[in-house]
Amino acid sequence: MMDFNSTSSISGQITALVDAGMQRARAQQSERQYLGASRLGAACERALQFEYAKAPVDHGRDTPGRMLRIFERGHVMENCMVAWLRDAGFDLRTRRADGEQFGFSVADGRLRGHIDGVIVAGPEGFAYPALWECKCLGNKSWSDLEKKGLAISKPVYAAQVAIYQAYLELHEHPAIFTALNADTMEVYTEAVPFDAALAQRMSDRAVKVITATEAGDLLPRAFNDPTHFECKFCSWQGRCWRTQA
């Protein structure tokens, strides 16, 4: 019989039930049928190919429930940040009139991106309109961002900002990037000027990944060792290193 007096037993059971529920909900979501612009700054172009082609992930590499909860935390904290910025006097728009996210679609819908929002007006001292992107980070990651800045600490996010500014024509004014520390609730904010060269590199990379994938050509790996940090945590590590290329 179940021991209702055991905290660890109850904790494990509830966690398993929550995880299973989140996995079921995730499985019911429609798959992305395009290359997401937010991923273009990833280190490995071959990984982007697998992602774009919806290649099955390696056995045992499905996203665990804990990570799904972390993703959900990001959505919740983003909503908090929206409310806080609006209370601070910023006119932040996160949805179009039809209720959909602001975004773009190019290359016959094969490359798409959806932004967190646009700040169209607000307190003096800022330039409007400005792209707004928000992240929720653990303390270690947040502290690294605060120390080094977006471009060095979080190149994937920097690429995301640049290509959004380009395709949504929000390049005239610096983007407002906010990051919330999930442990301390500190807020990091950075004004991010438009990096045209970075945006162009990411746009060219999207064309390269899409074209090569649809032609059946496998792009080179970013790393030469399957034990490299990026490879170890890649969902397609086994698939990638079974090939000879």
C-alpha atoms as a PDB file:
ATOM      1  CA  MET A   1       0.000   0.000   0.000  1.00  0.00           C
ATOM      2  CA  MET A   2       1.046   3.589  -0.557  1.00  0.00           C
ATOM      3  CA  ASP A   3       2.712   5.223   2.425  1.00  0.00           C
ATOM      4  CA  PHE A   4       0.941   8.565   2.746  1.00  0.00           C
ATOM      5  CA  ASN A   5       3.268   9.539   5.576  1.00  0.00           C
ATOM      6  CA  SER A   6       6.323   9.474   3.351  1.00  0.00           C
ATOM      7  CA  THR A   7       7.112  12.928   1.979  1.00  0.00           C
ATOM      8  CA  SER A   8       9.606  11.570  -0.535  1.00  0.00           C
ATOM      9  CA  SER A   9       7.067   9.070  -1.837  1.00  0.00           C
ATOM     10  CA  ILE A  10       4.400  11.716  -2.299  1.00  0.00           C
ATOM     11  CA  SER A  11       6.889  14.112  -3.891  1.00  0.00           C
ATOM     12  CA  GLY A  12       8.065  11.533  -6.378  1.00  0.00           C
ATOM     13  CA  GLN A  13       4.549  10.435  -7.244  1.00  0.00           C
ATOM     14  CA  ILE A  14       3.243  13.964  -7.784  1.00  0.00           C
ATOM     15  CA  THR A  15       6.303  14.899  -9.831  1.00  0.00           C
ATOM     16  CA  ALA A  16       5.870  11.835 -12.043  1.00  0.00           C
ATOM     17  CA  LEU A  17       2.188  12.648 -12.591  1.00  0.00           C
ATOM     18  CA  VAL A  18       2.959  16.287 -13.397  1.00  0.00           C
ATOM     19  CA  ASP A  19       5.732  15.267 -15.797  1.00  0.00           C
ATOM     20  CA  ALA A  20       3.453  12.795 -17.566  1.00  0.00           C
ATOM     21  CA  GLY A  21       0.739  15.421 -17.900  1.00  0.00           C
ATOM     22  CA  MET A  22       3.132  17.975 -19.336  1.00  0.00           C
ATOM     23  CA  GLN A  23       4.549  15.414 -21.770  1.00  0.00           C
ATOM     24  CA  ARG A  24       1.021  14.568 -22.961  1.00  0.00           C
ATOM     25  CA  ALA A  25       0.207  18.241 -23.446  1.00  0.00           C
ATOM     26  CA  ARG A  26       3.446  18.752 -25.355  1.00  0.00           C
ATOM     27  CA  ALA A  27       2.739  15.767 -27.602  1.00  0.00           C
ATOM     28  CA  GLN A  28      -0.602  17.298 -28.586  1.00  0.00           C
ATOM     29  CA  GLN A  29       1.013  20.506 -29.801  1.00  0.00           C
ATOM     30  CA  SER A  30       1.495  20.831 -33.546  1.00  0.00           C
ATOM     31  CA  GLU A  31       5.079  20.506 -34.755  1.00  0.00           C
ATOM     32  CA  ARG A  32       6.892  23.510 -36.115  1.00  0.00           C
ATOM     33  CA  GLN A  33       6.908  23.304 -39.904  1.00  0.00           C
ATOM     34  CA  TYR A  34       9.657  25.864 -40.382  1.00  0.00           C
ATOM     35  CA  LEU A  35      13.100  26.950 -39.244  1.00  0.00           C
ATOM     36  CA  GLY A  36      12.721  29.171 -36.199  1.00  0.00           C
ATOM     37  CA  ALA A  37      14.633  32.441 -36.367  1.00  0.00           C
ATOM     38  CA  SER A  38      15.276  32.302 -32.623  1.00  0.00           C
ATOM     39  CA  ARG A  39      17.535  29.288 -33.163  1.00  0.00           C
ATOM     40  CA  LEU A  40      19.730  30.644 -35.952  1.00  0.00           C
ATOM     41  CA  GLY A  41      22.544  31.636 -33.605  1.00  0.00           C
ATOM     42  CA  ALA A  42      23.048  28.036 -32.433  1.00  0.00           C
ATOM     43  CA  ALA A  43      26.633  26.832 -32.729  1.00  0.00           C
ATOM     44  CA  CYS A  44      26.070  23.889 -35.085  1.00  0.00           C
ATOM     45  CA  GLU A  45      24.457  24.199 -38.501  1.00  0.00           C
ATOM     46  CA  ARG A  46      24.001  20.442 -38.721  1.00  0.00           C
ATOM     47  CA  ALA A  47      21.921  20.519 -35.529  1.00  0.00           C
ATOM     48  CA  LEU A  48      19.801  23.224 -37.146  1.00  0.00           C
ATOM     49  CA  GLN A  49      19.311  20.902 -40.111  1.00  0.00           C
ATOM     50  CA  PHE A  50      18.075  18.088 -37.888  1.00  0.00           C
ATOM     51  CA  GLU A  51      15.761  20.521 -36.151  1.00  0.00           C
ATOM     52  CA  TYR A  52      14.398  21.929 -39.422  1.00  0.00           C
ATOM     53  CA  ALA A  53      13.885  18.457 -40.879  1.00  0.00           C
ATOM     54  CA  LYS A  54      12.167  17.313 -37.663  1.00  0.00           C
ATOM     55  CA  ALA A  55      14.564  14.380 -37.376  1.00  0.00           C
ATOM     56  CA  PRO A  56      13.615  12.103 -34.454  1.00  0.00           C
ATOM     57  CA  VAL A  57      15.744  12.810 -31.408  1.00  0.00           C
ATOM     58  CA  ASP A  58      18.001  10.105 -29.993  1.00  0.00           C
ATOM     59  CA  HIS A  59      16.417   7.529 -27.720  1.00  0.00           C
ATOM     60  CA  GLY A  60      16.152   8.896 -24.210  1.00  0.00           C
ATOM     61  CA  ARG A  61      16.689  12.495 -25.367  1.00  0.00           C
ATOM     62  CA  ASP A  62      13.058  13.601 -25.126  1.00  0.00           C
ATOM     63  CA  THR A  63      12.665  16.817 -23.167  1.00  0.00           C
ATOM     64  CA  PRO A  64      12.223  15.836 -19.492  1.00  0.00           C
ATOM     65  CA  GLY A  65       9.441  17.242 -17.364  1.00  0.00           C
ATOM     66  CA  ARG A  66      11.824  19.410 -15.356  1.00  0.00           C
ATOM     67  CA  MET A  67      12.899  21.235 -18.515  1.00  0.00           C
ATOM     68  CA  LEU A  68       9.274  21.671 -19.565  1.00  0.00           C
ATOM     69  CA  ARG A  69       8.622  23.311 -16.201  1.00  0.00           C
ATOM     70  CA  ILE A  70      11.618  25.598 -16.741  1.00  0.00           C
ATOM     71  CA  PHE A  71      10.222  26.580 -20.158  1.00  0.00           C
ATOM     72  CA  GLU A  72       6.861  27.278 -18.541  1.00  0.00           C
ATOM     73  CA  ARG A  73       8.557  29.376 -15.863  1.00  0.00           C
ATOM     74  CA  GLY A  74       9.981  31.525 -18.648  1.00  0.00           C
ATOM     75  CA  HIS A  75       6.500  32.178 -20.071  1.00  0.00           C
ATOM     76  CA  VAL A  76       5.101  33.041 -16.649  1.00  0.00           C
ATOM     77  CA  MET A  77       7.932  35.417 -15.794  1.00  0.00           C
ATOM     78  CA  GLU A  78       7.707  37.039 -19.214  1.00  0.00           C
ATOM     79  CA  ASN A  79       4.059  37.851 -18.447  1.00  0.00           C
ATOM     80  CA  CYS A  80       5.162  39.338 -15.124  1.00  0.00           C
ATOM     81  CA  MET A  81       7.730  41.505 -16.891  1.00  0.00           C
ATOM     82  CA  VAL A  82       5.069  42.702 -19.352  1.00  0.00           C
ATOM     83  CA  ALA A  83       2.870  43.845 -16.469  1.00  0.00           C
ATOM     84  CA  TRP A  84       5.767  45.516 -14.648  1.00  0.00           C
ATOM     85  CA  LEU A  85       6.903  47.445 -17.730  1.00  0.00           C
ATOM     86  CA  ARG A  86       3.374  48.618 -18.419  1.00  0.00           C
ATOM     87  CA  ASP A  87       3.001  49.713 -14.797  1.00  0.00           C
ATOM     88  CA  ALA A  88       6.276  51.639 -15.244  1.00  0.00           C
ATOM     89  CA  GLY A  89       4.701  53.622 -18.067  1.00  0.00           C
ATOM     90  CA  PHE A  90       5.896  51.758 -21.154  1.00  0.00           C
ATOM     91  CA  ASP A  91       3.378  51.199 -23.941  1.00  0.00           C
ATOM     92  CA  LEU A  92       4.324  47.602 -24.643  1.00  0.00           C
ATOM     93  CA  ARG A  93       2.415  45.707 -27.325  1.00  0.00           C
ATOM     94  CA  THR A  94       2.704  41.912 -27.326  1.00  0.00           C
ATOM     95  CA  ARG A  95      -0.176  40.924 -29.612  1.00  0.00           C
ATOM     96  CA  ARG A  96      -1.658  42.079 -32.883  1.00  0.00           C
ATOM     97  CA  ALA A  97      -5.276  43.158 -33.134  1.00  0.00           C
ATOM     98  CA  ASP A  98      -6.245  39.568 -34.010  1.00  0.00           C
ATOM     99  CA  GLY A  99      -4.596  38.234 -30.864  1.00  0.00           C
ATOM    100  CA  GLU A 100      -1.625  36.639 -32.615  1.00  0.00           C
ATOM    101  CA  GLN A 101       2.019  37.354 -31.793  1.00  0.00           C
ATOM    102  CA  PHE A 102       3.945  39.865 -33.841  1.00  0.00           C
ATOM    103  CA  GLY A 103       6.301  38.076 -36.195  1.00  0.00           C
ATOM    104  CA  PHE A 104       7.541  37.527 -39.716  1.00  0.00           C
ATOM    105  CA  SER A 105       7.539  34.807 -42.328  1.00  0.00           C
ATOM    106  CA  VAL A 106       9.897  34.657 -45.319  1.00  0.00           C
ATOM    107  CA  ALA A 107      11.164  32.081 -47.830  1.00  0.00           C
ATOM    108  CA  ASP A 108       7.635  30.826 -48.487  1.00  0.00           C
ATOM    109  CA  GLY A 109       7.101  30.329 -44.782  1.00  0.00           C
ATOM    110  CA  ARG A 110      10.206  28.207 -44.277  1.00  0.00           C
ATOM    111  CA  LEU A 111      11.810  30.796 -41.978  1.00  0.00           C
ATOM    112  CA  ARG A 112       9.665  32.417 -39.322  1.00  0.00           C
ATOM    113  CA  GLY A 113      10.085  34.311 -36.111  1.00  0.00           C
ATOM    114  CA  HIS A 114       7.819  35.560 -33.348  1.00  0.00           C
ATOM    115  CA  ILE A 115       8.840  38.377 -31.044  1.00  0.00           C
ATOM    116  CA  ASP A 116       8.020  39.036 -27.405  1.00  0.00           C
ATOM    117  CA  GLY A 117       6.830  42.542 -28.107  1.00  0.00           C
ATOM    118  CA  VAL A 118       7.336  46.104 -29.291  1.00  0.00           C
ATOM    119  CA  ILE A 119       7.599  49.139 -27.020  1.00  0.00           C
ATOM    120  CA  VAL A 120       5.939  51.954 -28.959  1.00  0.00           C
ATOM    121  CA  ALA A 121       6.052  54.725 -26.339  1.00  0.00           C
ATOM    122  CA  GLY A 122       6.968  55.378 -22.731  1.00  0.00           C
ATOM    123  CA  PRO A 123       9.164  57.388 -20.374  1.00  0.00           C
ATOM    124  CA  GLU A 124      11.665  59.901 -21.696  1.00  0.00           C
ATOM    125  CA  GLY A 125      15.218  58.809 -22.350  1.00  0.00           C
ATOM    126  CA  PHE A 126      14.363  55.902 -24.649  1.00  0.00           C
ATOM    127  CA  ALA A 127      13.865  55.714 -28.399  1.00  0.00           C
ATOM    128  CA  TYR A 128      10.649  54.273 -29.793  1.00  0.00           C
ATOM    129  CA  PRO A 129       9.517  51.995 -31.338  1.00  0.00           C
ATOM    130  CA  ALA A 130      11.883  49.382 -29.952  1.00  0.00           C
ATOM    131  CA  LEU A 131      11.919  45.623 -30.195  1.00  0.00           C
ATOM    132  CA  TRP A 132      11.469  44.020 -26.777  1.00  0.00           C
ATOM    133  CA  GLU A 133      12.842  40.576 -25.948  1.00  0.00           C
ATOM    134  CA  CYS A 134      12.739  38.971 -22.525  1.00  0.00           C
ATOM    135  CA  LYS A 135      14.409  35.923 -20.958  1.00  0.00           C
ATOM    136  CA  CYS A 136      14.281  34.273 -17.548  1.00  0.00           C
ATOM    137  CA  LEU A 137      17.639  32.846 -16.472  1.00  0.00           C
ATOM    138  CA  GLY A 138      19.130  30.956 -13.559  1.00  0.00           C
ATOM    139  CA  ASN A 139      21.501  32.896 -11.330  1.00  0.00           C
ATOM    140  CA  LYS A 140      24.746  31.637 -12.910  1.00  0.00           C
ATOM    141  CA  SER A 141      23.609  32.364 -16.454  1.00  0.00           C
ATOM    142  CA  TRP A 142      22.133  35.729 -15.450  1.00  0.00           C
ATOM    143  CA  SER A 143      25.319  36.778 -13.659  1.00  0.00           C
ATOM    144  CA  ASP A 144      27.392  35.908 -16.730  1.00  0.00           C
ATOM    145  CA  LEU A 145      25.076  38.044 -18.861  1.00  0.00           C
ATOM    146  CA  GLU A 146      25.359  40.969 -16.452  1.00  0.00           C
ATOM    147  CA  LYS A 147      29.153  40.688 -16.470  1.00  0.00           C
ATOM    148  CA  LYS A 148      29.788  40.207 -20.192  1.00  0.00           C
ATOM    149  CA  GLY A 149      26.769  41.657 -22.003  1.00  0.00           C
ATOM    150  CA  LEU A 150      24.432  40.053 -24.507  1.00  0.00           C
ATOM    151  CA  ALA A 151      26.727  39.670 -27.531  1.00  0.00           C
ATOM    152  CA  ILE A 152      29.441  37.764 -25.643  1.00  0.00           C
ATOM    153  CA  SER A 153      27.426  35.939 -22.988  1.00  0.00           C
ATOM    154  CA  LYS A 154      24.397  34.950 -25.070  1.00  0.00           C
ATOM    155  CA  PRO A 155      25.258  34.928 -28.804  1.00  0.00           C
ATOM    156  CA  VAL A 156      22.115  32.941 -29.669  1.00  0.00           C
ATOM    157  CA  TYR A 157      19.932  35.644 -28.132  1.00  0.00           C
ATOM    158  CA  ALA A 158      22.007  38.381 -29.770  1.00  0.00           C
ATOM    159  CA  ALA A 159      21.452  36.764 -33.169  1.00  0.00           C
ATOM    160  CA  GLN A 160      17.749  36.464 -32.415  1.00  0.00           C
ATOM    161  CA  VAL A 161      17.498  40.173 -31.621  1.00  0.00           C
ATOM    162  CA  ALA A 162      19.415  41.207 -34.744  1.00  0.00           C
ATOM    163  CA  ILE A 163      17.371  39.173 -37.194  1.00  0.00           C
ATOM    164  CA  TYR A 164      14.095  40.261 -35.579  1.00  0.00           C
ATOM    165  CA  GLN A 165      15.148  43.896 -35.854  1.00  0.00           C
ATOM    166  CA  ALA A 166      15.976  43.359 -39.516  1.00  0.00           C
ATOM    167  CA  TYR A 167      12.905  41.497 -40.695  1.00  0.00           C
ATOM    168  CA  LEU A 168      10.428  43.543 -38.644  1.00  0.00           C
ATOM    169  CA  GLU A 169      12.116  46.835 -39.615  1.00  0.00           C
ATOM    170  CA  LEU A 170      12.750  47.733 -35.985  1.00  0.00           C
ATOM    171  CA  HIS A 171      16.401  48.501 -36.646  1.00  0.00           C
ATOM    172  CA  GLU A 172      16.351  52.293 -36.284  1.00  0.00           C
ATOM    173  CA  HIS A 173      16.377  52.206 -32.484  1.00  0.00           C
ATOM    174  CA  PRO A 174      18.137  49.895 -30.048  1.00  0.00           C
ATOM    175  CA  ALA A 175      16.169  46.877 -28.875  1.00  0.00           C
ATOM    176  CA  ILE A 176      15.320  46.640 -25.191  1.00  0.00           C
ATOM    177  CA  PHE A 177      16.494  43.272 -23.880  1.00  0.00           C
ATOM    178  CA  THR A 178      15.433  42.297 -20.361  1.00  0.00           C
ATOM    179  CA  ALA A 179      16.510  39.245 -18.383  1.00  0.00           C
ATOM    180  CA  LEU A 180      14.967  38.242 -15.086  1.00  0.00           C
ATOM    181  CA  ASN A 181      17.060  36.380 -12.519  1.00  0.00           C
ATOM    182  CA  ALA A 182      14.868  33.435 -11.511  1.00  0.00           C
ATOM    183  CA  ASP A 183      16.692  33.074  -8.192  1.00  0.00           C
ATOM    184  CA  THR A 184      16.955  36.674  -6.995  1.00  0.00           C
ATOM    185  CA  MET A 185      14.315  38.395  -9.176  1.00  0.00           C
ATOM    186  CA  GLU A 186      16.895  40.998 -10.253  1.00  0.00           C
ATOM    187  CA  VAL A 187      16.291  42.520 -13.674  1.00  0.00           C
ATOM    188  CA  TYR A 188      19.051  43.047 -16.235  1.00  0.00           C
ATOM    189  CA  THR A 189      18.306  45.442 -19.094  1.00  0.00           C
ATOM    190  CA  GLU A 190      20.432  46.194 -22.135  1.00  0.00           C
ATOM    191  CA  ALA A 191      19.847  48.528 -25.056  1.00  0.00           C
ATOM    192  CA  VAL A 192      20.960  46.533 -28.108  1.00  0.00           C
ATOM    193  CA  PRO A 193      21.876  48.570 -31.225  1.00  0.00           C
ATOM    194  CA  PHE A 194      21.123  46.919 -34.535  1.00  0.00           C
ATOM    195  CA  ASP A 195      23.983  44.739 -35.757  1.00  0.00           C
ATOM    196  CA  ALA A 196      23.439  44.666 -39.511  1.00  0.00           C
ATOM    197  CA  ALA A 197      26.368  42.337 -40.176  1.00  0.00           C
ATOM    198  CA  LEU A 198      25.094  39.807 -37.649  1.00  0.00           C
ATOM    199  CA  ALA A 199      21.590  39.962 -39.085  1.00  0.00           C
ATOM    200  CA  GLN A 200      22.967  39.343 -42.575  1.00  0.00           C
ATOM    201  CA  ARG A 201      25.049  36.375 -41.393  1.00  0.00           C
ATOM    202  CA  MET A 202      22.003  34.842 -39.750  1.00  0.00           C
ATOM    203  CA  SER A 203      19.856  35.401 -42.819  1.00  0.00           C
ATOM    204  CA  ASP A 204      22.543  33.793 -45.003  1.00  0.00           C
ATOM    205  CA  ARG A 205      22.795  30.912 -42.545  1.00  0.00           C
ATOM    206  CA  ALA A 206      19.039  30.321 -42.746  1.00  0.00           C
ATOM    207  CA  VAL A 207      19.258  30.090 -46.539  1.00  0.00           C
ATOM    208  CA  LYS A 208      22.217  27.708 -46.231  1.00  0.00           C
ATOM    209  CA  VAL A 209      20.490  25.399 -43.734  1.00  0.00           C
ATOM    210  CA  ILE A 210      17.189  25.309 -45.618  1.00  0.00           C
ATOM    211  CA  THR A 211      18.790  24.812 -49.033  1.00  0.00           C
ATOM    212  CA  ALA A 212      21.185  22.089 -47.881  1.00  0.00           C
ATOM    213  CA  THR A 213      18.502  20.214 -45.966  1.00  0.00           C
ATOM    214  CA  GLU A 214      16.043  20.216 -48.837  1.00  0.00           C
ATOM    215  CA  ALA A 215      18.819  19.076 -51.195  1.00  0.00           C
ATOM    216  CA  GLY A 216      19.750  16.219 -48.847  1.00  0.00           C
ATOM    217  CA  ASP A 217      23.223  17.621 -48.170  1.00  0.00           C
ATOM    218  CA  LEU A 218      24.546  17.253 -44.632  1.00  0.00           C
ATOM    219  CA  LEU A 219      26.412  20.321 -43.425  1.00  0.00           C
ATOM    220  CA  PRO A 220      29.658  19.944 -41.431  1.00  0.00           C
ATOM    221  CA  ARG A 221      29.552  19.531 -37.693  1.00  0.00           C
ATOM    222  CA  ALA A 222      30.595  22.519 -35.602  1.00  0.00           C
ATOM    223  CA  PHE A 223      32.819  20.321 -33.420  1.00  0.00           C
ATOM    224  CA  ASN A 224      35.243  17.454 -34.013  1.00  0.00           C
ATOM    225  CA  ASP A 225      34.690  15.529 -30.787  1.00  0.00           C
ATOM    226  CA  PRO A 226      31.413  13.830 -29.773  1.00  0.00           C
ATOM    227  CA  THR A 227      32.302  14.500 -26.126  1.00  0.00           C
ATOM    228  CA  HIS A 228      32.397  18.270 -26.685  1.00  0.00           C
ATOM    229  CA  PHE A 229      29.976  20.049 -24.371  1.00  0.00           C
ATOM    230  CA  GLU A 230      27.650  21.135 -27.180  1.00  0.00           C
ATOM    231  CA  CYS A 231      27.621  17.649 -28.694  1.00  0.00           C
ATOM    232  CA  LYS A 232      27.047  15.858 -25.387  1.00  0.00           C
ATOM    233  CA  PHE A 233      23.818  17.753 -24.833  1.00  0.00           C
ATOM    234  CA  CYS A 234      22.605  17.718 -28.443  1.00  0.00           C
ATOM    235  CA  SER A 235      19.359  15.832 -29.021  1.00  0.00           C
ATOM    236  CA  TRP A 236      20.827  14.299 -32.192  1.00  0.00           C
ATOM    237  CA  GLN A 237      24.305  13.358 -30.962  1.00  0.00           C
ATOM    238  CA  GLY A 238      23.906   9.670 -31.799  1.00  0.00           C
ATOM    239  CA  ARG A 239      22.353  10.307 -35.202  1.00  0.00           C
ATOM    240  CA  CYS A 240      25.054  12.816 -36.087  1.00  0.00           C
ATOM    241  CA  TRP A 241      28.059  10.723 -35.092  1.00  0.00           C
ATOM    242  CA  ARG A 242      26.771   7.534 -36.725  1.00  0.00           C
ATOM    243  CA  THR A 243      27.429   9.220 -40.064  1.00  0.00           C
ATOM    244  CA  GLN A 244      30.907   9.337 -41.588  1.00  0.00           C
ATOM    245  CA  ALA A 245      30.800  13.005 -42.596  1.00  0.00           C
END
